[in-house]
């Protein structure tokens, strides 16, 4: 469900090819034990993915989920083409829970009547990150509630994915814009701000405005 306008077509195609799960003779992919959908909905930032043709050129990829009255989920995927400031592309879809005992196995459709698997295979206790996979192990997305992820947390996710049989070397990080309101003073934030002068200037102007307002008070 991550800027995946052609997800279903691609997933259908894998049915005619040897999947990673079959090729490596891996056991069935395991999902998390339970997902609280009321906590899962909202906006997610894509941190990394297995490159797919339907996401070619995408940066700043996000997915926004809204719970419907009938129990399904409305999906809105967005990305910027080629650069952070590029043209925005979006796709609207619908997700349906197929395993009501866990809510961790869903199907998603952008072109009904075709649906593709969307399995939640890792999830933070506080729902700050999630990992979405597919039983073939040929599709993978690492998601976060924020545009960046702590390196230690990311490495831990990779270790758990490797234990599930995923070829983590195939992962590619997704370019995301830094938050202009970040104030943790870390070298990482400073470096990322330097990589985006426009956003850095906006953050600086915001801070100056707040300091001026505080001095008047």
Protein backbone atom coordinates (compact mmCIF):
# COMPACT_ATOMS: atom_id res chain seq x y z
CA UNK A 1 0.00 0.00 0.00
CA UNK A 2 2.89 2.41 -0.70
CA UNK A 3 2.51 4.39 -3.86
CA UNK A 4 1.71 1.13 -5.51
CA UNK A 5 -0.64 2.06 -8.32
CA UNK A 6 0.25 -1.12 -10.22
CA UNK A 7 0.72 -3.40 -7.21
CA UNK A 8 -1.97 -5.89 -8.11
CA UNK A 9 -0.75 -6.33 -11.67
CA UNK A 10 2.75 -7.00 -10.42
CA UNK A 11 1.60 -9.40 -7.75
CA UNK A 12 -0.50 -11.32 -10.25
CA UNK A 13 2.57 -11.61 -12.46
CA UNK A 14 4.54 -13.28 -9.66
CA UNK A 15 2.08 -16.15 -9.77
CA UNK A 16 3.59 -17.15 -13.12
CA UNK A 17 7.21 -16.92 -11.95
CA UNK A 18 9.36 -18.63 -9.36
CA UNK A 19 9.15 -16.68 -6.13
CA UNK A 20 11.91 -16.22 -3.61
CA UNK A 21 9.96 -18.36 -1.17
CA UNK A 22 9.85 -21.21 -3.69
CA UNK A 23 13.36 -20.70 -5.01
CA UNK A 24 14.94 -20.89 -1.55
CA UNK A 25 12.42 -23.45 -0.27
CA UNK A 26 11.52 -21.23 2.65
CA UNK A 27 8.74 -21.87 5.17
CA UNK A 28 5.56 -19.78 5.00
CA UNK A 29 6.08 -16.12 5.89
CA UNK A 30 4.99 -15.23 9.42
CA UNK A 31 2.98 -12.15 10.29
CA UNK A 32 2.68 -10.30 13.59
CA UNK A 33 0.30 -11.80 16.13
CA UNK A 34 -2.24 -8.95 16.08
CA UNK A 35 -2.83 -5.53 14.55
CA UNK A 36 -5.08 -2.89 16.10
CA UNK A 37 -6.41 -1.26 12.95
CA UNK A 38 -7.53 1.85 14.82
CA UNK A 39 -3.86 2.45 15.69
CA UNK A 40 -2.51 1.35 12.32
CA UNK A 41 -4.48 3.85 10.24
CA UNK A 42 -3.01 7.28 9.51
CA UNK A 43 0.00 8.33 7.50
CA UNK A 44 3.17 6.28 7.02
CA UNK A 45 6.47 7.31 5.43
CA UNK A 46 8.31 4.75 3.32
CA UNK A 47 11.85 4.23 4.66
CA UNK A 48 12.97 1.47 2.30
CA UNK A 49 11.58 -1.00 -0.24
CA UNK A 50 12.37 -3.73 -2.70
CA UNK A 51 12.50 -1.77 -5.99
CA UNK A 52 9.51 -2.40 -8.23
CA UNK A 53 8.69 -1.07 -11.66
CA UNK A 54 5.50 0.57 -10.39
CA UNK A 55 7.53 2.73 -7.96
CA UNK A 56 10.29 3.69 -10.37
CA UNK A 57 11.42 7.27 -9.81
CA UNK A 58 9.39 7.71 -6.61
CA UNK A 59 10.72 9.79 -3.72
CA UNK A 60 9.00 11.13 -0.60
CA UNK A 61 6.63 8.16 -0.71
CA UNK A 62 3.79 8.07 1.81
CA UNK A 63 0.68 6.02 2.42
CA UNK A 64 -2.41 7.29 4.24
CA UNK A 65 -5.00 4.83 5.53
CA UNK A 66 -8.55 5.63 6.65
CA UNK A 67 -10.87 3.10 8.27
CA UNK A 68 -14.20 2.76 6.49
CA UNK A 69 -17.57 2.13 8.08
CA UNK A 70 -17.72 -1.33 6.51
CA UNK A 71 -14.39 -2.37 8.08
CA UNK A 72 -12.33 -1.95 4.92
CA UNK A 73 -9.57 0.65 4.61
CA UNK A 74 -9.30 3.48 2.12
CA UNK A 75 -5.75 3.87 0.79
CA UNK A 76 -4.12 7.02 -0.56
CA UNK A 77 -0.56 6.62 -1.81
CA UNK A 78 1.57 9.59 -2.81
CA UNK A 79 5.08 10.13 -4.11
CA UNK A 80 7.19 12.77 -5.82
CA UNK A 81 8.67 11.76 -9.16
CA UNK A 82 12.46 11.86 -9.56
CA UNK A 83 13.10 14.41 -6.77
CA UNK A 84 11.69 15.76 -3.52
CA UNK A 85 10.34 18.75 -5.42
CA UNK A 86 9.10 16.70 -8.37
CA UNK A 87 5.57 16.24 -9.62
CA UNK A 88 3.28 14.54 -7.13
CA UNK A 89 1.70 11.27 -8.17
CA UNK A 90 -1.10 9.59 -6.24
CA UNK A 91 -3.12 6.40 -6.31
CA UNK A 92 -6.36 5.56 -4.52
CA UNK A 93 -7.11 2.02 -3.43
CA UNK A 94 -8.93 -0.12 -0.93
CA UNK A 95 -7.71 -2.73 1.53
CA UNK A 96 -9.63 -5.62 3.05
CA UNK A 97 -8.74 -7.73 6.08
CA UNK A 98 -8.72 -11.43 5.21
CA UNK A 99 -7.52 -12.80 8.57
CA UNK A 100 -9.88 -11.44 11.20
CA UNK A 101 -8.13 -13.33 13.99
CA UNK A 102 -4.97 -11.20 13.61
CA UNK A 103 -5.83 -8.33 11.22
CA UNK A 104 -2.27 -8.85 9.93
CA UNK A 105 -3.18 -10.32 6.54
CA UNK A 106 -4.93 -7.98 4.16
CA UNK A 107 -5.48 -7.69 0.45
CA UNK A 108 -5.27 -4.40 -1.43
CA UNK A 109 -6.77 -3.38 -4.74
CA UNK A 110 -6.24 -0.42 -7.04
CA UNK A 111 -7.83 -2.19 -10.01
CA UNK A 112 -10.81 -4.22 -8.90
CA UNK A 113 -11.61 -7.08 -9.17
CA UNK A 114 -7.88 -7.84 -8.72
CA UNK A 115 -6.43 -7.94 -5.22
CA UNK A 116 -2.87 -8.45 -3.93
CA UNK A 117 -1.56 -9.65 -0.55
CA UNK A 118 -0.48 -7.10 2.06
CA UNK A 119 0.96 -8.81 5.14
CA UNK A 120 2.15 -6.96 8.23
CA UNK A 121 5.23 -8.90 9.32
CA UNK A 122 6.81 -6.54 11.86
CA UNK A 123 5.23 -3.81 13.97
CA UNK A 124 6.42 -1.60 16.82
CA UNK A 125 4.57 -1.88 20.12
CA UNK A 126 3.78 1.84 19.86
CA UNK A 127 2.98 1.60 16.13
CA UNK A 128 5.88 3.90 15.26
CA UNK A 129 7.09 1.59 12.50
CA UNK A 130 5.72 -1.28 10.44
CA UNK A 131 7.06 -3.73 7.88
CA UNK A 132 4.85 -4.96 5.05
CA UNK A 133 5.66 -8.06 3.06
CA UNK A 134 4.19 -10.61 0.69
CA UNK A 135 4.16 -14.42 0.96
CA UNK A 136 6.45 -14.60 -2.08
CA UNK A 137 9.11 -12.54 -0.21
CA UNK A 138 9.58 -10.53 -3.41
CA UNK A 139 7.86 -7.41 -2.09
CA UNK A 140 8.87 -5.49 0.99
CA UNK A 141 8.28 -2.06 2.51
CA UNK A 142 9.65 -0.60 5.74
CA UNK A 143 7.40 2.18 7.04
CA UNK A 144 7.68 4.78 9.78
CA UNK A 145 5.48 7.44 11.28
CA UNK A 146 8.33 9.89 10.67
CA UNK A 147 10.38 10.56 7.51
CA UNK A 148 13.54 9.12 9.09
CA UNK A 149 14.41 6.11 11.22
CA UNK A 150 17.06 5.56 13.88
CA UNK A 151 19.93 3.53 12.36
CA UNK A 152 19.93 1.06 15.26
CA UNK A 153 16.21 0.46 14.87
CA UNK A 154 16.62 -0.03 11.12
CA UNK A 155 19.41 -2.57 11.61
CA UNK A 156 17.26 -4.49 14.07
CA UNK A 157 14.47 -4.68 11.51
CA UNK A 158 16.94 -5.99 8.93
CA UNK A 159 18.08 -8.75 11.28
CA UNK A 160 14.51 -9.89 11.86
CA UNK A 161 13.80 -9.81 8.14
CA UNK A 162 16.87 -11.93 7.43
CA UNK A 163 15.65 -14.43 10.03
CA UNK A 164 12.39 -14.61 8.04
CA UNK A 165 14.30 -15.47 4.88
CA UNK A 166 14.25 -12.04 3.24
CA UNK A 167 17.19 -11.07 1.05
CA UNK A 168 17.77 -7.72 2.74
CA UNK A 169 20.55 -6.76 0.32
CA UNK A 170 17.78 -5.98 -2.16
CA UNK A 171 16.43 -3.15 0.00
CA UNK A 172 16.83 0.42 -1.27
CA UNK A 173 16.37 3.42 1.00
CA UNK A 174 13.65 5.89 0.04
CA UNK A 175 14.59 9.56 -0.17
CA UNK A 176 12.42 11.59 2.20
CA UNK A 177 12.53 15.31 3.00
CA UNK A 178 13.80 16.20 6.46
CA UNK A 179 11.41 17.72 8.94
CA UNK A 180 12.01 21.50 9.08
CA UNK A 181 10.90 21.52 12.72
CA UNK A 182 13.48 18.97 13.90
CA UNK A 183 15.31 20.35 16.95
CA UNK A 184 17.24 17.45 18.37
CA UNK A 185 20.56 19.05 17.39
CA UNK A 186 21.88 15.77 16.04
CA UNK A 187 24.57 15.67 13.38
CA UNK A 188 22.25 13.55 11.23
CA UNK A 189 19.57 16.24 11.16
CA UNK A 190 22.15 18.95 10.47
CA UNK A 191 23.61 16.96 7.59
CA UNK A 192 20.22 16.28 6.09
CA UNK A 193 19.28 19.96 6.38
CA UNK A 194 22.44 20.89 4.53
CA UNK A 195 21.36 18.54 1.76
CA UNK A 196 18.12 20.51 1.36
CA UNK A 197 19.02 24.25 1.52
CA UNK A 198 15.46 25.41 0.88
CA UNK A 199 14.05 23.43 3.80
CA UNK A 200 16.96 24.46 5.99
CA UNK A 201 16.24 28.11 5.24
CA UNK A 202 12.58 27.60 6.03
CA UNK A 203 13.48 26.03 9.36
CA UNK A 204 15.84 28.91 10.15
CA UNK A 205 13.17 31.51 9.35
CA UNK A 206 10.69 29.64 11.52
CA UNK A 207 13.10 29.65 14.46
CA UNK A 208 13.85 33.36 14.03
CA UNK A 209 10.13 34.14 13.94
CA UNK A 210 9.53 32.17 17.13
CA UNK A 211 12.43 33.89 18.91
CA UNK A 212 11.12 37.31 17.86
CA UNK A 213 7.65 36.40 19.09
CA UNK A 214 9.05 35.21 22.42
CA UNK A 215 11.02 38.42 22.92
CA UNK A 216 7.89 40.52 22.34
CA UNK A 217 6.06 38.48 24.99
